């Protein structure tokens, strides 16, 4: 399919149509579900007819027709994406390479991604270095379910500010975005979990608050405002420390338990006493890359804009209001 699409993108009208559809960002990223795009008519032929015929409409290549048609019918999550530089794509002049995500793709290990140009030539792209020009990528959509429907995990912060010391997730940014989400997969799907303790017994505070940036570059070492209520940090309801765990949600890989481990600490007379090791199991299995955990102390001084924490992958600001 990637090879057929690469050849078909010689057609400027198809390039314009693909960019137009990608810019709609139906799932928050520059993704286009093939099942919803294949019947689009471009210069008298559907997208699927163009792919089936490669560069000549009406090809009798039965094997290729069967392969493309089978993919469209059986893989609801199949997508065409423009993960980088979509808005800057000059569709009148620039014919992009088309890459694909293989089944054994591992964003932490894979070094090269195979791509094709419009003449059918093979190119190998650096999997870890973001291209400087638009690239179309054929793969599986990470933001839809098995039927191709949006998996809406967006957190809707409806909690009101209440009396007492309210804690907020004020701002976030990715400090090492390539380590948690490969450029070929677009913008990262981020989620944070928070646990604390009550009399040294671990308790749940936030069971997964989800965020996806509109663009990959929006959160790449740039602060994004969230201003999401977490909880009211009152004693004796909660002890002095909480733990914040960040993950990047994946669509592939093994299911893993979501747990947080941290050390309980108590500060008395300017001396920190180390307490027991604590852990909390959120009773949830998911596919994710671990983006680090930070322990937060209630007594830290807040300046304008709160306190900054950095896991090495994710930086975040907590504010108290």
C-alpha atoms as a PDB file:
ATOM      1  CA  UNK A   1       0.000   0.000   0.000  1.00  0.00           C
ATOM      2  CA  UNK A   2       2.834   2.417   0.807  1.00  0.00           C
ATOM      3  CA  UNK A   3       4.422   1.782  -2.585  1.00  0.00           C
ATOM      4  CA  UNK A   4       1.105   2.247  -4.401  1.00  0.00           C
ATOM      5  CA  UNK A   5       0.373   5.460  -2.514  1.00  0.00           C
ATOM      6  CA  UNK A   6       3.856   6.823  -3.215  1.00  0.00           C
ATOM      7  CA  UNK A   7       3.336   6.353  -6.952  1.00  0.00           C
ATOM      8  CA  UNK A   8      -0.193   7.742  -6.804  1.00  0.00           C
ATOM      9  CA  UNK A   9       1.036  10.931  -5.137  1.00  0.00           C
ATOM     10  CA  UNK A  10       2.500  12.006  -8.466  1.00  0.00           C
ATOM     11  CA  UNK A  11      -1.023  13.400  -8.878  1.00  0.00           C
ATOM     12  CA  UNK A  12      -1.161  16.923  -7.403  1.00  0.00           C
ATOM     13  CA  UNK A  13      -4.924  16.721  -6.875  1.00  0.00           C
ATOM     14  CA  UNK A  14      -4.489  13.650  -4.685  1.00  0.00           C
ATOM     15  CA  UNK A  15      -1.752  15.425  -2.723  1.00  0.00           C
ATOM     16  CA  UNK A  16      -4.060  18.386  -2.148  1.00  0.00           C
ATOM     17  CA  UNK A  17      -6.911  16.125  -1.066  1.00  0.00           C
ATOM     18  CA  UNK A  18      -4.743  14.141   1.351  1.00  0.00           C
ATOM     19  CA  UNK A  19      -3.380  17.296   2.983  1.00  0.00           C
ATOM     20  CA  UNK A  20      -6.873  18.797   3.192  1.00  0.00           C
ATOM     21  CA  UNK A  21      -8.161  15.690   4.964  1.00  0.00           C
ATOM     22  CA  UNK A  22      -5.145  15.434   7.283  1.00  0.00           C
ATOM     23  CA  UNK A  23      -5.589  19.061   8.351  1.00  0.00           C
ATOM     24  CA  UNK A  24      -9.045  18.201   9.689  1.00  0.00           C
ATOM     25  CA  UNK A  25      -7.277  16.260  12.478  1.00  0.00           C
ATOM     26  CA  UNK A  26     -10.303  14.112  13.201  1.00  0.00           C
ATOM     27  CA  UNK A  27      -8.449  12.508  16.124  1.00  0.00           C
ATOM     28  CA  UNK A  28      -6.335  15.485  17.135  1.00  0.00           C
ATOM     29  CA  UNK A  29      -3.381  14.570  14.907  1.00  0.00           C
ATOM     30  CA  UNK A  30      -2.732  14.726  11.159  1.00  0.00           C
ATOM     31  CA  UNK A  31      -4.275  11.302  10.564  1.00  0.00           C
ATOM     32  CA  UNK A  32      -6.672  10.043   7.878  1.00  0.00           C
ATOM     33  CA  UNK A  33      -8.490   6.732   8.274  1.00  0.00           C
ATOM     34  CA  UNK A  34      -8.168   4.907   4.972  1.00  0.00           C
ATOM     35  CA  UNK A  35     -11.642   3.377   5.243  1.00  0.00           C
ATOM     36  CA  UNK A  36     -13.123   6.885   5.283  1.00  0.00           C
ATOM     37  CA  UNK A  37     -10.876   8.210   2.515  1.00  0.00           C
ATOM     38  CA  UNK A  38     -10.696   5.401  -0.012  1.00  0.00           C
ATOM     39  CA  UNK A  39     -13.920   6.311  -1.838  1.00  0.00           C
ATOM     40  CA  UNK A  40     -13.037  10.000  -2.256  1.00  0.00           C
ATOM     41  CA  UNK A  41     -13.185  10.875  -5.967  1.00  0.00           C
ATOM     42  CA  UNK A  42     -10.106  12.709  -7.250  1.00  0.00           C
ATOM     43  CA  UNK A  43      -9.986  13.695 -10.927  1.00  0.00           C
ATOM     44  CA  UNK A  44     -12.586  11.096 -11.857  1.00  0.00           C
ATOM     45  CA  UNK A  45     -11.216   8.149  -9.888  1.00  0.00           C
ATOM     46  CA  UNK A  46     -11.539   7.092  -6.261  1.00  0.00           C
ATOM     47  CA  UNK A  47      -8.469   7.012  -4.045  1.00  0.00           C
ATOM     48  CA  UNK A  48      -8.673   3.229  -3.935  1.00  0.00           C
ATOM     49  CA  UNK A  49      -8.827   2.966  -7.725  1.00  0.00           C
ATOM     50  CA  UNK A  50      -5.668   5.039  -7.928  1.00  0.00           C
ATOM     51  CA  UNK A  51      -3.870   2.865  -5.400  1.00  0.00           C
ATOM     52  CA  UNK A  52      -5.015  -0.346  -7.045  1.00  0.00           C
ATOM     53  CA  UNK A  53      -3.815   0.868 -10.423  1.00  0.00           C
ATOM     54  CA  UNK A  54      -0.570   2.305  -9.007  1.00  0.00           C
ATOM     55  CA  UNK A  55       0.417   4.779 -11.733  1.00  0.00           C
ATOM     56  CA  UNK A  56      -1.987   3.581 -14.420  1.00  0.00           C
ATOM     57  CA  UNK A  57      -5.703   3.545 -13.693  1.00  0.00           C
ATOM     58  CA  UNK A  58      -7.409   0.295 -14.536  1.00  0.00           C
ATOM     59  CA  UNK A  59      -4.463  -2.012 -13.973  1.00  0.00           C
ATOM     60  CA  UNK A  60      -5.351  -5.701 -14.085  1.00  0.00           C
ATOM     61  CA  UNK A  61      -2.988  -6.562 -11.260  1.00  0.00           C
ATOM     62  CA  UNK A  62      -5.408  -8.831  -9.389  1.00  0.00           C
ATOM     63  CA  UNK A  63      -3.025  -9.575  -6.540  1.00  0.00           C
ATOM     64  CA  UNK A  64      -2.453  -5.885  -5.775  1.00  0.00           C
ATOM     65  CA  UNK A  65      -6.182  -5.141  -6.074  1.00  0.00           C
ATOM     66  CA  UNK A  66      -6.971  -7.941  -3.628  1.00  0.00           C
ATOM     67  CA  UNK A  67      -4.295  -6.767  -1.187  1.00  0.00           C
ATOM     68  CA  UNK A  68      -5.387  -3.128  -1.111  1.00  0.00           C
ATOM     69  CA  UNK A  69      -9.086  -3.982  -1.030  1.00  0.00           C
ATOM     70  CA  UNK A  70      -8.570  -6.553   1.729  1.00  0.00           C
ATOM     71  CA  UNK A  71      -6.681  -4.034   3.848  1.00  0.00           C
ATOM     72  CA  UNK A  72      -9.468  -1.483   3.433  1.00  0.00           C
ATOM     73  CA  UNK A  73     -12.153  -3.999   4.383  1.00  0.00           C
ATOM     74  CA  UNK A  74     -10.476  -5.769   7.299  1.00  0.00           C
ATOM     75  CA  UNK A  75      -8.243  -3.194   8.996  1.00  0.00           C
ATOM     76  CA  UNK A  76     -10.496  -0.480  10.391  1.00  0.00           C
ATOM     77  CA  UNK A  77      -7.544   1.316  12.016  1.00  0.00           C
ATOM     78  CA  UNK A  78      -5.466   1.545   8.825  1.00  0.00           C
ATOM     79  CA  UNK A  79      -4.444   5.155   8.302  1.00  0.00           C
ATOM     80  CA  UNK A  80      -2.509   7.544   6.099  1.00  0.00           C
ATOM     81  CA  UNK A  81      -0.756  10.144   8.240  1.00  0.00           C
ATOM     82  CA  UNK A  82       1.364  13.238   7.718  1.00  0.00           C
ATOM     83  CA  UNK A  83       2.971  13.285  11.182  1.00  0.00           C
ATOM     84  CA  UNK A  84       5.469  16.094  10.559  1.00  0.00           C
ATOM     85  CA  UNK A  85       5.312  19.409   8.654  1.00  0.00           C
ATOM     86  CA  UNK A  86       1.803  18.817   7.352  1.00  0.00           C
ATOM     87  CA  UNK A  87       0.812  22.484   7.485  1.00  0.00           C
ATOM     88  CA  UNK A  88       3.976  23.479   5.607  1.00  0.00           C
ATOM     89  CA  UNK A  89       3.454  20.955   2.800  1.00  0.00           C
ATOM     90  CA  UNK A  90       3.460  22.686  -0.601  1.00  0.00           C
ATOM     91  CA  UNK A  91       1.284  20.166  -2.408  1.00  0.00           C
ATOM     92  CA  UNK A  92       1.710  21.898  -5.770  1.00  0.00           C
ATOM     93  CA  UNK A  93       5.465  21.427  -5.815  1.00  0.00           C
ATOM     94  CA  UNK A  94       6.507  18.773  -3.311  1.00  0.00           C
ATOM     95  CA  UNK A  95       5.927  15.024  -3.752  1.00  0.00           C
ATOM     96  CA  UNK A  96       6.667  13.370  -0.391  1.00  0.00           C
ATOM     97  CA  UNK A  97       8.121   9.996   0.401  1.00  0.00           C
ATOM     98  CA  UNK A  98       5.671   7.424   1.742  1.00  0.00           C
ATOM     99  CA  UNK A  99       6.882   5.303   4.651  1.00  0.00           C
ATOM    100  CA  UNK A 100       5.148   2.510   6.513  1.00  0.00           C
ATOM    101  CA  UNK A 101       5.169   1.180  10.063  1.00  0.00           C
ATOM    102  CA  UNK A 102       6.010  -2.565  10.025  1.00  0.00           C
ATOM    103  CA  UNK A 103       4.453  -5.004  12.479  1.00  0.00           C
ATOM    104  CA  UNK A 104       7.720  -5.435  14.379  1.00  0.00           C
ATOM    105  CA  UNK A 105       8.247  -1.678  14.767  1.00  0.00           C
ATOM    106  CA  UNK A 106       9.655  -0.716  18.176  1.00  0.00           C
ATOM    107  CA  UNK A 107      10.124   3.030  18.545  1.00  0.00           C
ATOM    108  CA  UNK A 108      12.857   2.562  21.117  1.00  0.00           C
ATOM    109  CA  UNK A 109      14.859   0.082  19.027  1.00  0.00           C
ATOM    110  CA  UNK A 110      14.041   0.572  15.332  1.00  0.00           C
ATOM    111  CA  UNK A 111      16.808   2.593  13.662  1.00  0.00           C
ATOM    112  CA  UNK A 112      15.451   2.984  10.123  1.00  0.00           C
ATOM    113  CA  UNK A 113      12.048   3.264   8.467  1.00  0.00           C
ATOM    114  CA  UNK A 114      11.528   2.100   4.898  1.00  0.00           C
ATOM    115  CA  UNK A 115       9.976   4.589   2.473  1.00  0.00           C
ATOM    116  CA  UNK A 116       9.266   4.888  -1.247  1.00  0.00           C
ATOM    117  CA  UNK A 117       9.388   7.806  -3.662  1.00  0.00           C
ATOM    118  CA  UNK A 118       6.973   8.353  -6.547  1.00  0.00           C
ATOM    119  CA  UNK A 119       9.238   6.369  -8.900  1.00  0.00           C
ATOM    120  CA  UNK A 120       9.187   3.331  -6.629  1.00  0.00           C
ATOM    121  CA  UNK A 121      12.737   3.801  -5.344  1.00  0.00           C
ATOM    122  CA  UNK A 122      13.457   2.708  -1.774  1.00  0.00           C
ATOM    123  CA  UNK A 123      14.691   5.206   0.818  1.00  0.00           C
ATOM    124  CA  UNK A 124      15.692   4.546   4.425  1.00  0.00           C
ATOM    125  CA  UNK A 125      14.737   7.245   6.917  1.00  0.00           C
ATOM    126  CA  UNK A 126      16.365   7.740  10.300  1.00  0.00           C
ATOM    127  CA  UNK A 127      13.734   6.502  12.769  1.00  0.00           C
ATOM    128  CA  UNK A 128      15.065   8.678  15.576  1.00  0.00           C
ATOM    129  CA  UNK A 129      15.649  11.978  13.741  1.00  0.00           C
ATOM    130  CA  UNK A 130      12.581  13.925  12.645  1.00  0.00           C
ATOM    131  CA  UNK A 131      12.590  14.692   8.881  1.00  0.00           C
ATOM    132  CA  UNK A 132      12.836  18.311   7.767  1.00  0.00           C
ATOM    133  CA  UNK A 133      10.160  17.841   5.075  1.00  0.00           C
ATOM    134  CA  UNK A 134       6.677  16.273   5.052  1.00  0.00           C
ATOM    135  CA  UNK A 135       6.517  12.469   4.942  1.00  0.00           C
ATOM    136  CA  UNK A 136       3.359  10.389   4.540  1.00  0.00           C
ATOM    137  CA  UNK A 137       3.234   7.321   6.791  1.00  0.00           C
ATOM    138  CA  UNK A 138       1.002   4.270   6.360  1.00  0.00           C
ATOM    139  CA  UNK A 139       0.253   2.593   9.668  1.00  0.00           C
ATOM    140  CA  UNK A 140      -2.297   1.866  12.363  1.00  0.00           C
ATOM    141  CA  UNK A 141      -4.216   4.616  14.140  1.00  0.00           C
ATOM    142  CA  UNK A 142      -3.365   4.823  17.855  1.00  0.00           C
ATOM    143  CA  UNK A 143      -6.397   6.926  18.753  1.00  0.00           C
ATOM    144  CA  UNK A 144      -9.230   4.722  17.556  1.00  0.00           C
ATOM    145  CA  UNK A 145     -10.599   1.401  18.745  1.00  0.00           C
ATOM    146  CA  UNK A 146     -10.716  -1.864  16.790  1.00  0.00           C
ATOM    147  CA  UNK A 147     -13.706  -0.557  14.821  1.00  0.00           C
ATOM    148  CA  UNK A 148     -12.094   2.723  13.847  1.00  0.00           C
ATOM    149  CA  UNK A 149     -14.092   4.814  16.328  1.00  0.00           C
ATOM    150  CA  UNK A 150     -12.424   7.573  18.353  1.00  0.00           C
ATOM    151  CA  UNK A 151     -11.160   6.323  21.712  1.00  0.00           C
ATOM    152  CA  UNK A 152     -12.008   9.453  23.654  1.00  0.00           C
ATOM    153  CA  UNK A 153      -9.875   9.352  26.784  1.00  0.00           C
ATOM    154  CA  UNK A 154      -9.697  13.114  27.092  1.00  0.00           C
ATOM    155  CA  UNK A 155      -9.987  14.343  30.620  1.00  0.00           C
ATOM    156  CA  UNK A 156     -12.662  16.999  31.144  1.00  0.00           C
ATOM    157  CA  UNK A 157     -11.617  19.047  34.154  1.00  0.00           C
ATOM    158  CA  UNK A 158     -14.947  19.931  35.744  1.00  0.00           C
ATOM    159  CA  UNK A 159     -13.847  20.076  39.381  1.00  0.00           C
ATOM    160  CA  UNK A 160     -14.342  23.456  40.998  1.00  0.00           C
ATOM    161  CA  UNK A 161     -11.894  25.242  43.215  1.00  0.00           C
ATOM    162  CA  UNK A 162     -12.882  24.633  46.797  1.00  0.00           C
ATOM    163  CA  UNK A 163     -11.833  25.980  50.173  1.00  0.00           C
ATOM    164  CA  UNK A 164      -8.403  24.896  51.327  1.00  0.00           C
ATOM    165  CA  UNK A 165      -5.233  24.190  49.435  1.00  0.00           C
ATOM    166  CA  UNK A 166      -6.133  23.042  45.933  1.00  0.00           C
ATOM    167  CA  UNK A 167      -3.411  21.470  43.794  1.00  0.00           C
ATOM    168  CA  UNK A 168      -3.403  21.949  40.001  1.00  0.00           C
ATOM    169  CA  UNK A 169      -1.470  20.423  37.106  1.00  0.00           C
ATOM    170  CA  UNK A 170      -0.661  23.841  35.672  1.00  0.00           C
ATOM    171  CA  UNK A 171       1.670  23.305  32.684  1.00  0.00           C
ATOM    172  CA  UNK A 172       3.462  20.436  30.942  1.00  0.00           C
ATOM    173  CA  UNK A 173       6.057  19.881  28.205  1.00  0.00           C
ATOM    174  CA  UNK A 174       8.037  16.997  26.696  1.00  0.00           C
ATOM    175  CA  UNK A 175      11.737  17.452  27.405  1.00  0.00           C
ATOM    176  CA  UNK A 176      12.759  14.346  25.419  1.00  0.00           C
ATOM    177  CA  UNK A 177       9.884  13.739  23.017  1.00  0.00           C
ATOM    178  CA  UNK A 178      11.712  11.335  20.685  1.00  0.00           C
ATOM    179  CA  UNK A 179      12.409   8.967  23.576  1.00  0.00           C
ATOM    180  CA  UNK A 180       8.707   8.424  24.266  1.00  0.00           C
ATOM    181  CA  UNK A 181       7.091   8.819  20.813  1.00  0.00           C
ATOM    182  CA  UNK A 182       8.752   8.299  17.444  1.00  0.00           C
ATOM    183  CA  UNK A 183       8.243  11.093  14.907  1.00  0.00           C
ATOM    184  CA  UNK A 184       6.564   8.651  12.500  1.00  0.00           C
ATOM    185  CA  UNK A 185       3.761   8.156  15.037  1.00  0.00           C
ATOM    186  CA  UNK A 186       2.974  11.869  15.297  1.00  0.00           C
ATOM    187  CA  UNK A 187       2.090  13.691  18.498  1.00  0.00           C
ATOM    188  CA  UNK A 188       2.363  11.800  21.799  1.00  0.00           C
ATOM    189  CA  UNK A 189      -0.668  10.547  23.751  1.00  0.00           C
ATOM    190  CA  UNK A 190       0.171  11.496  27.323  1.00  0.00           C
ATOM    191  CA  UNK A 191      -1.389  10.435  30.585  1.00  0.00           C
ATOM    192  CA  UNK A 192      -0.524  11.057  34.220  1.00  0.00           C
ATOM    193  CA  UNK A 193      -1.369   9.059  37.331  1.00  0.00           C
ATOM    194  CA  UNK A 194      -1.076  10.339  40.884  1.00  0.00           C
ATOM    195  CA  UNK A 195      -1.041   8.465  44.179  1.00  0.00           C
ATOM    196  CA  UNK A 196      -0.469   9.592  47.737  1.00  0.00           C
ATOM    197  CA  UNK A 197      -0.756   8.166  51.201  1.00  0.00           C
ATOM    198  CA  UNK A 198      -2.945   8.476  54.274  1.00  0.00           C
ATOM    199  CA  UNK A 199      -1.180   7.518  57.502  1.00  0.00           C
ATOM    200  CA  UNK A 200       1.453   5.723  55.412  1.00  0.00           C
ATOM    201  CA  UNK A 201      -1.175   3.722  53.472  1.00  0.00           C
ATOM    202  CA  UNK A 202      -1.122   4.290  49.697  1.00  0.00           C
ATOM    203  CA  UNK A 203      -4.261   5.858  48.194  1.00  0.00           C
ATOM    204  CA  UNK A 204      -5.368   6.784  44.680  1.00  0.00           C
ATOM    205  CA  UNK A 205      -5.638  10.467  43.722  1.00  0.00           C
ATOM    206  CA  UNK A 206      -5.797  10.600  39.890  1.00  0.00           C
ATOM    207  CA  UNK A 207      -6.440   7.467  37.827  1.00  0.00           C
ATOM    208  CA  UNK A 208      -5.276   8.619  34.432  1.00  0.00           C
ATOM    209  CA  UNK A 209      -5.667  12.166  33.117  1.00  0.00           C
ATOM    210  CA  UNK A 210      -5.170  12.203  29.349  1.00  0.00           C
ATOM    211  CA  UNK A 211      -3.795  14.896  27.043  1.00  0.00           C
ATOM    212  CA  UNK A 212      -2.912  14.943  23.357  1.00  0.00           C
ATOM    213  CA  UNK A 213      -1.373  18.077  21.801  1.00  0.00           C
ATOM    214  CA  UNK A 214      -2.718  19.389  18.511  1.00  0.00           C
ATOM    215  CA  UNK A 215       0.765  19.282  17.021  1.00  0.00           C
ATOM    216  CA  UNK A 216       3.891  17.377  17.969  1.00  0.00           C
ATOM    217  CA  UNK A 217       5.932  20.576  18.002  1.00  0.00           C
ATOM    218  CA  UNK A 218       3.475  22.285  20.360  1.00  0.00           C
ATOM    219  CA  UNK A 219       4.732  20.280  23.330  1.00  0.00           C
ATOM    220  CA  UNK A 220       8.331  19.647  22.229  1.00  0.00           C
ATOM    221  CA  UNK A 221      10.151  21.687  24.897  1.00  0.00           C
ATOM    222  CA  UNK A 222       7.273  24.195  24.924  1.00  0.00           C
ATOM    223  CA  UNK A 223       4.982  24.736  27.891  1.00  0.00           C
ATOM    224  CA  UNK A 224       1.322  23.809  27.377  1.00  0.00           C
ATOM    225  CA  UNK A 225      -1.306  25.163  29.776  1.00  0.00           C
ATOM    226  CA  UNK A 226      -3.531  22.522  31.396  1.00  0.00           C
ATOM    227  CA  UNK A 227      -4.645  24.081  34.692  1.00  0.00           C
ATOM    228  CA  UNK A 228      -6.342  20.841  35.798  1.00  0.00           C
ATOM    229  CA  UNK A 229      -7.539  20.364  39.346  1.00  0.00           C
ATOM    230  CA  UNK A 230      -5.861  17.430  41.114  1.00  0.00           C
ATOM    231  CA  UNK A 231      -7.078  17.425  44.715  1.00  0.00           C
ATOM    232  CA  UNK A 232      -7.204  19.501  47.889  1.00  0.00           C
ATOM    233  CA  UNK A 233      -4.113  18.709  49.920  1.00  0.00           C
ATOM    234  CA  UNK A 234      -5.427  18.761  53.480  1.00  0.00           C
ATOM    235  CA  UNK A 235      -4.045  17.007  56.525  1.00  0.00           C
ATOM    236  CA  UNK A 236      -4.891  14.485  57.901  1.00  0.00           C
ATOM    237  CA  UNK A 237      -6.594  13.415  54.647  1.00  0.00           C
ATOM    238  CA  UNK A 238      -3.198  13.055  52.945  1.00  0.00           C
ATOM    239  CA  UNK A 239       0.403  12.749  54.094  1.00  0.00           C
ATOM    240  CA  UNK A 240       3.234  15.083  53.051  1.00  0.00           C
ATOM    241  CA  UNK A 241       4.187  13.431  49.756  1.00  0.00           C
ATOM    242  CA  UNK A 242       2.491  12.376  46.522  1.00  0.00           C
ATOM    243  CA  UNK A 243       3.917  10.591  43.470  1.00  0.00           C
ATOM    244  CA  UNK A 244       3.220  11.662  39.863  1.00  0.00           C
ATOM    245  CA  UNK A 245       3.740   9.081  37.104  1.00  0.00           C
ATOM    246  CA  UNK A 246       3.741   9.964  33.381  1.00  0.00           C
ATOM    247  CA  UNK A 247       3.157   7.492  30.535  1.00  0.00           C
ATOM    248  CA  UNK A 248       2.866   7.713  26.752  1.00  0.00           C
ATOM    249  CA  UNK A 249       0.030   5.514  25.528  1.00  0.00           C
ATOM    250  CA  UNK A 250       0.850   3.036  22.743  1.00  0.00           C
ATOM    251  CA  UNK A 251      -1.309   0.916  20.488  1.00  0.00           C
ATOM    252  CA  UNK A 252       1.124  -1.988  20.318  1.00  0.00           C
ATOM    253  CA  UNK A 253       3.266  -3.947  22.727  1.00  0.00           C
ATOM    254  CA  UNK A 254       2.508  -5.974  25.814  1.00  0.00           C
ATOM    255  CA  UNK A 255      -0.148  -4.991  28.331  1.00  0.00           C
ATOM    256  CA  UNK A 256       1.500  -3.812  31.542  1.00  0.00           C
ATOM    257  CA  UNK A 257       0.113  -2.945  34.969  1.00  0.00           C
ATOM    258  CA  UNK A 258      -0.043   0.721  35.884  1.00  0.00           C
ATOM    259  CA  UNK A 259       1.600   1.097  39.279  1.00  0.00           C
ATOM    260  CA  UNK A 260       3.475   3.817  41.147  1.00  0.00           C
ATOM    261  CA  UNK A 261       6.313   3.210  43.591  1.00  0.00           C
ATOM    262  CA  UNK A 262       7.795   5.901  45.819  1.00  0.00           C
ATOM    263  CA  UNK A 263       9.343   6.516  49.220  1.00  0.00           C
ATOM    264  CA  UNK A 264       7.201   8.041  51.952  1.00  0.00           C
ATOM    265  CA  UNK A 265       8.934  10.889  53.761  1.00  0.00           C
ATOM    266  CA  UNK A 266       8.058  13.041  56.752  1.00  0.00           C
ATOM    267  CA  UNK A 267       9.620  16.438  57.458  1.00  0.00           C
ATOM    268  CA  UNK A 268       9.967  17.295  61.156  1.00  0.00           C
ATOM    269  CA  UNK A 269      11.965  20.221  62.570  1.00  0.00           C
ATOM    270  CA  UNK A 270      13.768  20.806  59.243  1.00  0.00           C
ATOM    271  CA  UNK A 271      14.859  17.179  59.180  1.00  0.00           C
ATOM    272  CA  UNK A 272      13.551  14.741  56.600  1.00  0.00           C
ATOM    273  CA  UNK A 273      12.870  11.275  57.950  1.00  0.00           C
ATOM    274  CA  UNK A 274      12.695   8.509  55.384  1.00  0.00           C
ATOM    275  CA  UNK A 275       9.565   6.438  55.704  1.00  0.00           C
ATOM    276  CA  UNK A 276       8.494   3.148  54.150  1.00  0.00           C
ATOM    277  CA  UNK A 277       8.551   2.287  50.466  1.00  0.00           C
ATOM    278  CA  UNK A 278       5.021   2.644  49.109  1.00  0.00           C
ATOM    279  CA  UNK A 279       3.345   1.460  45.931  1.00  0.00           C
ATOM    280  CA  UNK A 280      -0.110   1.765  44.465  1.00  0.00           C
ATOM    281  CA  UNK A 281      -1.690  -0.459  41.815  1.00  0.00           C
ATOM    282  CA  UNK A 282      -4.319   1.315  39.708  1.00  0.00           C
ATOM    283  CA  UNK A 283      -5.863  -2.073  38.786  1.00  0.00           C
ATOM    284  CA  UNK A 284      -5.438  -1.275  35.127  1.00  0.00           C
ATOM    285  CA  UNK A 285      -3.528  -2.854  32.254  1.00  0.00           C
ATOM    286  CA  UNK A 286      -2.415  -0.725  29.314  1.00  0.00           C
ATOM    287  CA  UNK A 287       0.173  -0.431  26.557  1.00  0.00           C
ATOM    288  CA  UNK A 288       2.512   2.428  27.324  1.00  0.00           C
ATOM    289  CA  UNK A 289       6.029   3.795  27.515  1.00  0.00           C
ATOM    290  CA  UNK A 290       7.064   4.895  30.985  1.00  0.00           C
ATOM    291  CA  UNK A 291       7.872   8.625  30.966  1.00  0.00           C
ATOM    292  CA  UNK A 292       9.059   8.832  34.553  1.00  0.00           C
ATOM    293  CA  UNK A 293       7.846   9.369  38.112  1.00  0.00           C
ATOM    294  CA  UNK A 294       8.446  12.302  40.461  1.00  0.00           C
ATOM    295  CA  UNK A 295       7.845  12.588  44.196  1.00  0.00           C
ATOM    296  CA  UNK A 296       6.278  15.893  45.291  1.00  0.00           C
ATOM    297  CA  UNK A 297       6.520  17.367  48.795  1.00  0.00           C
ATOM    298  CA  UNK A 298       3.673  19.479  50.126  1.00  0.00           C
ATOM    299  CA  UNK A 299       5.949  21.947  51.887  1.00  0.00           C
ATOM    300  CA  UNK A 300       7.897  23.173  48.832  1.00  0.00           C
ATOM    301  CA  UNK A 301       7.837  26.922  48.238  1.00  0.00           C
ATOM    302  CA  UNK A 302       5.686  28.147  45.371  1.00  0.00           C
ATOM    303  CA  UNK A 303       6.856  31.020  43.192  1.00  0.00           C
ATOM    304  CA  UNK A 304       4.891  32.636  40.400  1.00  0.00           C
ATOM    305  CA  UNK A 305       3.627  29.822  38.206  1.00  0.00           C
ATOM    306  CA  UNK A 306       4.254  27.037  40.705  1.00  0.00           C
ATOM    307  CA  UNK A 307       7.029  24.468  41.107  1.00  0.00           C
ATOM    308  CA  UNK A 308       8.725  22.745  38.145  1.00  0.00           C
ATOM    309  CA  UNK A 309       9.463  19.000  38.155  1.00  0.00           C
ATOM    310  CA  UNK A 310      11.253  17.038  35.413  1.00  0.00           C
ATOM    311  CA  UNK A 311      11.334  13.256  35.007  1.00  0.00           C
ATOM    312  CA  UNK A 312      13.880  13.456  32.187  1.00  0.00           C
ATOM    313  CA  UNK A 313      11.095  12.915  29.654  1.00  0.00           C
ATOM    314  CA  UNK A 314       8.270  15.102  30.947  1.00  0.00           C
ATOM    315  CA  UNK A 315       8.449  18.418  32.778  1.00  0.00           C
ATOM    316  CA  UNK A 316       5.424  19.702  34.654  1.00  0.00           C
ATOM    317  CA  UNK A 317       4.448  22.602  36.880  1.00  0.00           C
ATOM    318  CA  UNK A 318       2.217  22.151  39.900  1.00  0.00           C
ATOM    319  CA  UNK A 319       0.463  25.190  41.301  1.00  0.00           C
ATOM    320  CA  UNK A 320      -1.381  25.655  44.563  1.00  0.00           C
ATOM    321  CA  UNK A 321      -4.396  27.958  44.607  1.00  0.00           C
END
